[in-house]
């Protein structure tokens, strides 16, 4: 099983969030569990190649 980090917050009665590595693709849910399911769907779409030109976040080591 793989785990990925996500960022979320509650705005009024909705939970909003995005995958940490893909902040351009936000989603929402009425509950935190619904938000997590929607984030899983986005992850599947992003990793399947269906969405072209996906921006990613990475780390660069500098000295």
PDB file of N, CA and C in Angstrom:
ATOM      1  N   UNK A   1       0.841  -1.182   0.000  1.00  0.00           N
ATOM      2  CA  UNK A   1       0.000   0.000   0.000  1.00  0.00           C
ATOM      3  C   UNK A   1       0.881   1.239   0.000  1.00  0.00           C
ATOM      4  N   UNK A   2       0.544   2.180  -0.824  1.00  0.00           N
ATOM      5  CA  UNK A   2       1.282   3.433  -0.938  1.00  0.00           C
ATOM      6  C   UNK A   2       0.507   4.537  -0.223  1.00  0.00           C
ATOM      7  N   UNK A   3       1.211   5.450   0.382  1.00  0.00           N
ATOM      8  CA  UNK A   3       0.560   6.612   0.989  1.00  0.00           C
ATOM      9  C   UNK A   3       1.099   7.872   0.331  1.00  0.00           C
ATOM     10  N   UNK A   4       0.247   8.858   0.212  1.00  0.00           N
ATOM     11  CA  UNK A   4       0.648  10.153  -0.322  1.00  0.00           C
ATOM     12  C   UNK A   4       0.110  11.236   0.602  1.00  0.00           C
ATOM     13  N   UNK A   5       0.784  12.361   0.633  1.00  0.00           N
ATOM     14  CA  UNK A   5       0.364  13.460   1.504  1.00  0.00           C
ATOM     15  C   UNK A   5      -0.639  14.347   0.776  1.00  0.00           C
ATOM     16  N   UNK A   6      -1.584  14.875   1.556  1.00  0.00           N
ATOM     17  CA  UNK A   6      -2.527  15.827   0.995  1.00  0.00           C
ATOM     18  C   UNK A   6      -2.736  16.969   1.980  1.00  0.00           C
ATOM     19  N   UNK A   7      -3.154  18.092   1.438  1.00  0.00           N
ATOM     20  CA  UNK A   7      -3.421  19.298   2.216  1.00  0.00           C
ATOM     21  C   UNK A   7      -4.932  19.505   2.200  1.00  0.00           C
ATOM     22  N   UNK A   8      -5.518  19.805   3.357  1.00  0.00           N
ATOM     23  CA  UNK A   8      -6.957  20.040   3.380  1.00  0.00           C
ATOM     24  C   UNK A   8      -7.314  21.073   4.435  1.00  0.00           C
ATOM     25  N   UNK A   9      -8.516  21.628   4.283  1.00  0.00           N
ATOM     26  CA  UNK A   9      -9.053  22.564   5.239  1.00  0.00           C
ATOM     27  C   UNK A   9     -10.572  22.536   5.134  1.00  0.00           C
ATOM     28  N   UNK A  10     -11.219  23.060   6.165  1.00  0.00           N
ATOM     29  CA  UNK A  10     -12.674  23.121   6.156  1.00  0.00           C
ATOM     30  C   UNK A  10     -13.100  24.560   5.931  1.00  0.00           C
ATOM     31  N   UNK A  11     -14.006  24.756   4.982  1.00  0.00           N
ATOM     32  CA  UNK A  11     -14.545  26.080   4.670  1.00  0.00           C
ATOM     33  C   UNK A  11     -16.063  25.978   4.765  1.00  0.00           C
ATOM     34  N   UNK A  12     -16.621  26.551   5.787  1.00  0.00           N
ATOM     35  CA  UNK A  12     -18.046  26.404   6.097  1.00  0.00           C
ATOM     36  C   UNK A  12     -18.359  24.916   6.269  1.00  0.00           C
ATOM     37  N   UNK A  13     -19.223  24.353   5.434  1.00  0.00           N
ATOM     38  CA  UNK A  13     -19.622  22.955   5.588  1.00  0.00           C
ATOM     39  C   UNK A  13     -18.906  22.019   4.627  1.00  0.00           C
ATOM     40  N   UNK A  14     -17.893  22.495   3.911  1.00  0.00           N
ATOM     41  CA  UNK A  14     -17.187  21.676   2.926  1.00  0.00           C
ATOM     42  C   UNK A  14     -15.723  21.497   3.328  1.00  0.00           C
ATOM     43  N   UNK A  15     -15.180  20.347   2.979  1.00  0.00           N
ATOM     44  CA  UNK A  15     -13.758  20.090   3.122  1.00  0.00           C
ATOM     45  C   UNK A  15     -13.140  20.254   1.738  1.00  0.00           C
ATOM     46  N   UNK A  16     -12.073  21.025   1.646  1.00  0.00           N
ATOM     47  CA  UNK A  16     -11.370  21.244   0.390  1.00  0.00           C
ATOM     48  C   UNK A  16      -9.953  20.733   0.534  1.00  0.00           C
ATOM     49  N   UNK A  17      -9.359  20.295  -0.571  1.00  0.00           N
ATOM     50  CA  UNK A  17      -7.998  19.806  -0.476  1.00  0.00           C
ATOM     51  C   UNK A  17      -7.387  19.474  -1.817  1.00  0.00           C
ATOM     52  N   UNK A  18      -6.086  19.153  -1.759  1.00  0.00           N
ATOM     53  CA  UNK A  18      -5.329  18.766  -2.947  1.00  0.00           C
ATOM     54  C   UNK A  18      -4.185  17.859  -2.530  1.00  0.00           C
ATOM     55  N   UNK A  19      -3.669  17.123  -3.483  1.00  0.00           N
ATOM     56  CA  UNK A  19      -2.505  16.279  -3.241  1.00  0.00           C
ATOM     57  C   UNK A  19      -1.282  17.177  -3.137  1.00  0.00           C
ATOM     58  N   UNK A  20      -0.438  16.947  -2.176  1.00  0.00           N
ATOM     59  CA  UNK A  20       0.716  17.822  -1.941  1.00  0.00           C
ATOM     60  C   UNK A  20       1.580  17.960  -3.187  1.00  0.00           C
ATOM     61  N   UNK A  21       1.760  16.901  -3.935  1.00  0.00           N
ATOM     62  CA  UNK A  21       2.608  16.949  -5.128  1.00  0.00           C
ATOM     63  C   UNK A  21       1.891  17.537  -6.340  1.00  0.00           C
ATOM     64  N   UNK A  22       0.597  17.737  -6.259  1.00  0.00           N
ATOM     65  CA  UNK A  22      -0.180  18.250  -7.387  1.00  0.00           C
ATOM     66  C   UNK A  22      -1.159  19.325  -6.917  1.00  0.00           C
ATOM     67  N   UNK A  23      -0.659  20.474  -6.470  1.00  0.00           N
ATOM     68  CA  UNK A  23      -1.533  21.496  -5.902  1.00  0.00           C
ATOM     69  C   UNK A  23      -2.477  22.152  -6.909  1.00  0.00           C
ATOM     70  N   UNK A  24      -2.267  21.932  -8.200  1.00  0.00           N
ATOM     71  CA  UNK A  24      -3.135  22.537  -9.214  1.00  0.00           C
ATOM     72  C   UNK A  24      -4.496  21.855  -9.308  1.00  0.00           C
ATOM     73  N   UNK A  25      -4.648  20.684  -8.697  1.00  0.00           N
ATOM     74  CA  UNK A  25      -5.860  19.893  -8.847  1.00  0.00           C
ATOM     75  C   UNK A  25      -6.574  19.754  -7.508  1.00  0.00           C
ATOM     76  N   UNK A  26      -7.472  20.702  -7.237  1.00  0.00           N
ATOM     77  CA  UNK A  26      -8.206  20.700  -5.966  1.00  0.00           C
ATOM     78  C   UNK A  26      -9.519  19.946  -6.111  1.00  0.00           C
ATOM     79  N   UNK A  27     -10.033  19.474  -4.984  1.00  0.00           N
ATOM     80  CA  UNK A  27     -11.346  18.847  -4.949  1.00  0.00           C
ATOM     81  C   UNK A  27     -11.998  19.171  -3.616  1.00  0.00           C
ATOM     82  N   UNK A  28     -13.215  18.677  -3.430  1.00  0.00           N
ATOM     83  CA  UNK A  28     -13.946  18.969  -2.204  1.00  0.00           C
ATOM     84  C   UNK A  28     -14.831  17.796  -1.820  1.00  0.00           C
ATOM     85  N   UNK A  29     -15.351  17.852  -0.607  1.00  0.00           N
ATOM     86  CA  UNK A  29     -16.279  16.844  -0.128  1.00  0.00           C
ATOM     87  C   UNK A  29     -17.067  17.386   1.045  1.00  0.00           C
ATOM     88  N   UNK A  30     -18.248  16.827   1.249  1.00  0.00           N
ATOM     89  CA  UNK A  30     -19.056  17.257   2.383  1.00  0.00           C
ATOM     90  C   UNK A  30     -18.508  16.724   3.700  1.00  0.00           C
ATOM     91  N   UNK A  31     -17.729  15.635   3.630  1.00  0.00           N
ATOM     92  CA  UNK A  31     -17.065  15.071   4.810  1.00  0.00           C
ATOM     93  C   UNK A  31     -15.592  14.850   4.466  1.00  0.00           C
ATOM     94  N   UNK A  32     -14.786  14.627   5.483  1.00  0.00           N
ATOM     95  CA  UNK A  32     -13.370  14.356   5.246  1.00  0.00           C
ATOM     96  C   UNK A  32     -13.210  13.045   4.485  1.00  0.00           C
ATOM     97  N   UNK A  33     -14.035  12.055   4.785  1.00  0.00           N
ATOM     98  CA  UNK A  33     -13.969  10.782   4.063  1.00  0.00           C
ATOM     99  C   UNK A  33     -14.306  10.955   2.586  1.00  0.00           C
ATOM    100  N   UNK A  34     -15.314  11.773   2.282  1.00  0.00           N
ATOM    101  CA  UNK A  34     -15.664  12.026   0.881  1.00  0.00           C
ATOM    102  C   UNK A  34     -14.521  12.750   0.172  1.00  0.00           C
ATOM    103  N   UNK A  35     -13.909  13.702   0.857  1.00  0.00           N
ATOM    104  CA  UNK A  35     -12.759  14.402   0.274  1.00  0.00           C
ATOM    105  C   UNK A  35     -11.648  13.417  -0.043  1.00  0.00           C
ATOM    106  N   UNK A  36     -11.355  12.497   0.874  1.00  0.00           N
ATOM    107  CA  UNK A  36     -10.302  11.506   0.641  1.00  0.00           C
ATOM    108  C   UNK A  36     -10.617  10.635  -0.569  1.00  0.00           C
ATOM    109  N   UNK A  37     -11.869  10.236  -0.733  1.00  0.00           N
ATOM    110  CA  UNK A  37     -12.253   9.436  -1.903  1.00  0.00           C
ATOM    111  C   UNK A  37     -12.057  10.238  -3.186  1.00  0.00           C
ATOM    112  N   UNK A  38     -12.428  11.507  -3.166  1.00  0.00           N
ATOM    113  CA  UNK A  38     -12.245  12.360  -4.340  1.00  0.00           C
ATOM    114  C   UNK A  38     -10.767  12.561  -4.652  1.00  0.00           C
ATOM    115  N   UNK A  39      -9.939  12.661  -3.625  1.00  0.00           N
ATOM    116  CA  UNK A  39      -8.495  12.786  -3.832  1.00  0.00           C
ATOM    117  C   UNK A  39      -7.919  11.511  -4.444  1.00  0.00           C
ATOM    118  N   UNK A  40      -8.436  10.362  -4.041  1.00  0.00           N
ATOM    119  CA  UNK A  40      -7.993   9.094  -4.632  1.00  0.00           C
ATOM    120  C   UNK A  40      -8.342   9.055  -6.117  1.00  0.00           C
ATOM    121  N   UNK A  41      -9.530   9.548  -6.471  1.00  0.00           N
ATOM    122  CA  UNK A  41      -9.925   9.600  -7.882  1.00  0.00           C
ATOM    123  C   UNK A  41      -8.985  10.501  -8.688  1.00  0.00           C
ATOM    124  N   UNK A  42      -8.652  11.663  -8.126  1.00  0.00           N
ATOM    125  CA  UNK A  42      -7.727  12.568  -8.809  1.00  0.00           C
ATOM    126  C   UNK A  42      -6.372  11.895  -8.977  1.00  0.00           C
ATOM    127  N   UNK A  43      -5.900  11.218  -7.941  1.00  0.00           N
ATOM    128  CA  UNK A  43      -4.610  10.535  -8.021  1.00  0.00           C
ATOM    129  C   UNK A  43      -4.610   9.517  -9.162  1.00  0.00           C
ATOM    130  N   UNK A  44      -5.683   8.736  -9.272  1.00  0.00           N
ATOM    131  CA  UNK A  44      -5.781   7.734 -10.336  1.00  0.00           C
ATOM    132  C   UNK A  44      -5.723   8.388 -11.710  1.00  0.00           C
ATOM    133  N   UNK A  45      -6.437   9.496 -11.866  1.00  0.00           N
ATOM    134  CA  UNK A  45      -6.433  10.201 -13.149  1.00  0.00           C
ATOM    135  C   UNK A  45      -5.063  10.790 -13.461  1.00  0.00           C
ATOM    136  N   UNK A  46      -4.417  11.369 -12.469  1.00  0.00           N
ATOM    137  CA  UNK A  46      -3.113  11.997 -12.693  1.00  0.00           C
ATOM    138  C   UNK A  46      -2.039  10.974 -13.032  1.00  0.00           C
ATOM    139  N   UNK A  47      -2.105   9.810 -12.435  1.00  0.00           N
ATOM    140  CA  UNK A  47      -1.067   8.803 -12.659  1.00  0.00           C
ATOM    141  C   UNK A  47      -1.363   7.906 -13.855  1.00  0.00           C
ATOM    142  N   UNK A  48      -2.572   7.977 -14.377  1.00  0.00           N
ATOM    143  CA  UNK A  48      -2.929   7.124 -15.522  1.00  0.00           C
ATOM    144  C   UNK A  48      -2.483   7.717 -16.855  1.00  0.00           C
ATOM    145  N   UNK A  49      -2.138   8.997 -16.865  1.00  0.00           N
ATOM    146  CA  UNK A  49      -1.747   9.631 -18.112  1.00  0.00           C
ATOM    147  C   UNK A  49      -2.921  10.246 -18.866  1.00  0.00           C
ATOM    148  N   UNK A  50      -4.115  10.188 -18.306  1.00  0.00           N
ATOM    149  CA  UNK A  50      -5.298  10.751 -18.947  1.00  0.00           C
ATOM    150  C   UNK A  50      -5.208  12.273 -19.026  1.00  0.00           C
ATOM    151  N   UNK A  51      -4.656  12.884 -17.991  1.00  0.00           N
ATOM    152  CA  UNK A  51      -4.520  14.340 -17.945  1.00  0.00           C
ATOM    153  C   UNK A  51      -3.131  14.718 -18.470  1.00  0.00           C
ATOM    154  N   UNK A  52      -3.058  15.481 -19.575  1.00  0.00           N
ATOM    155  CA  UNK A  52      -1.748  15.852 -20.130  1.00  0.00           C
ATOM    156  C   UNK A  52      -1.087  16.986 -19.335  1.00  0.00           C
ATOM    157  N   UNK A  53       0.204  17.062 -19.426  1.00  0.00           N
ATOM    158  CA  UNK A  53       1.002  18.164 -18.864  1.00  0.00           C
ATOM    159  C   UNK A  53       0.750  18.397 -17.380  1.00  0.00           C
ATOM    160  N   UNK A  54       0.825  17.345 -16.602  1.00  0.00           N
ATOM    161  CA  UNK A  54       0.618  17.441 -15.162  1.00  0.00           C
ATOM    162  C   UNK A  54       1.853  18.062 -14.516  1.00  0.00           C
ATOM    163  N   UNK A  55       1.656  19.133 -13.776  1.00  0.00           N
ATOM    164  CA  UNK A  55       2.768  19.775 -13.044  1.00  0.00           C
ATOM    165  C   UNK A  55       3.013  18.988 -11.767  1.00  0.00           C
ATOM    166  N   UNK A  56       4.271  18.890 -11.386  1.00  0.00           N
ATOM    167  CA  UNK A  56       4.636  18.155 -10.168  1.00  0.00           C
ATOM    168  C   UNK A  56       5.559  18.990  -9.304  1.00  0.00           C
ATOM    169  N   UNK A  57       5.638  18.643  -8.044  1.00  0.00           N
ATOM    170  CA  UNK A  57       6.542  19.285  -7.096  1.00  0.00           C
ATOM    171  C   UNK A  57       7.626  18.270  -6.752  1.00  0.00           C
ATOM    172  N   UNK A  58       8.860  18.718  -6.705  1.00  0.00           N
ATOM    173  CA  UNK A  58       9.966  17.836  -6.354  1.00  0.00           C
ATOM    174  C   UNK A  58      10.932  18.608  -5.469  1.00  0.00           C
ATOM    175  N   UNK A  59      12.007  17.951  -5.093  1.00  0.00           N
ATOM    176  CA  UNK A  59      13.030  18.597  -4.271  1.00  0.00           C
ATOM    177  C   UNK A  59      14.345  18.624  -5.019  1.00  0.00           C
ATOM    178  N   UNK A  60      15.111  19.659  -4.793  1.00  0.00           N
ATOM    179  CA  UNK A  60      16.408  19.832  -5.422  1.00  0.00           C
ATOM    180  C   UNK A  60      17.431  20.058  -4.325  1.00  0.00           C
ATOM    181  N   UNK A  61      18.473  19.262  -4.304  1.00  0.00           N
ATOM    182  CA  UNK A  61      19.515  19.435  -3.306  1.00  0.00           C
ATOM    183  C   UNK A  61      20.548  20.402  -3.847  1.00  0.00           C
ATOM    184  N   UNK A  62      20.819  21.443  -3.103  1.00  0.00           N
ATOM    185  CA  UNK A  62      21.829  22.430  -3.511  1.00  0.00           C
ATOM    186  C   UNK A  62      22.877  22.546  -2.412  1.00  0.00           C
ATOM    187  N   UNK A  63      24.045  22.840  -2.836  1.00  0.00           N
ATOM    188  CA  UNK A  63      25.155  22.930  -1.881  1.00  0.00           C
ATOM    189  C   UNK A  63      25.617  24.359  -1.760  1.00  0.00           C
TER     190      UNK A  63
END
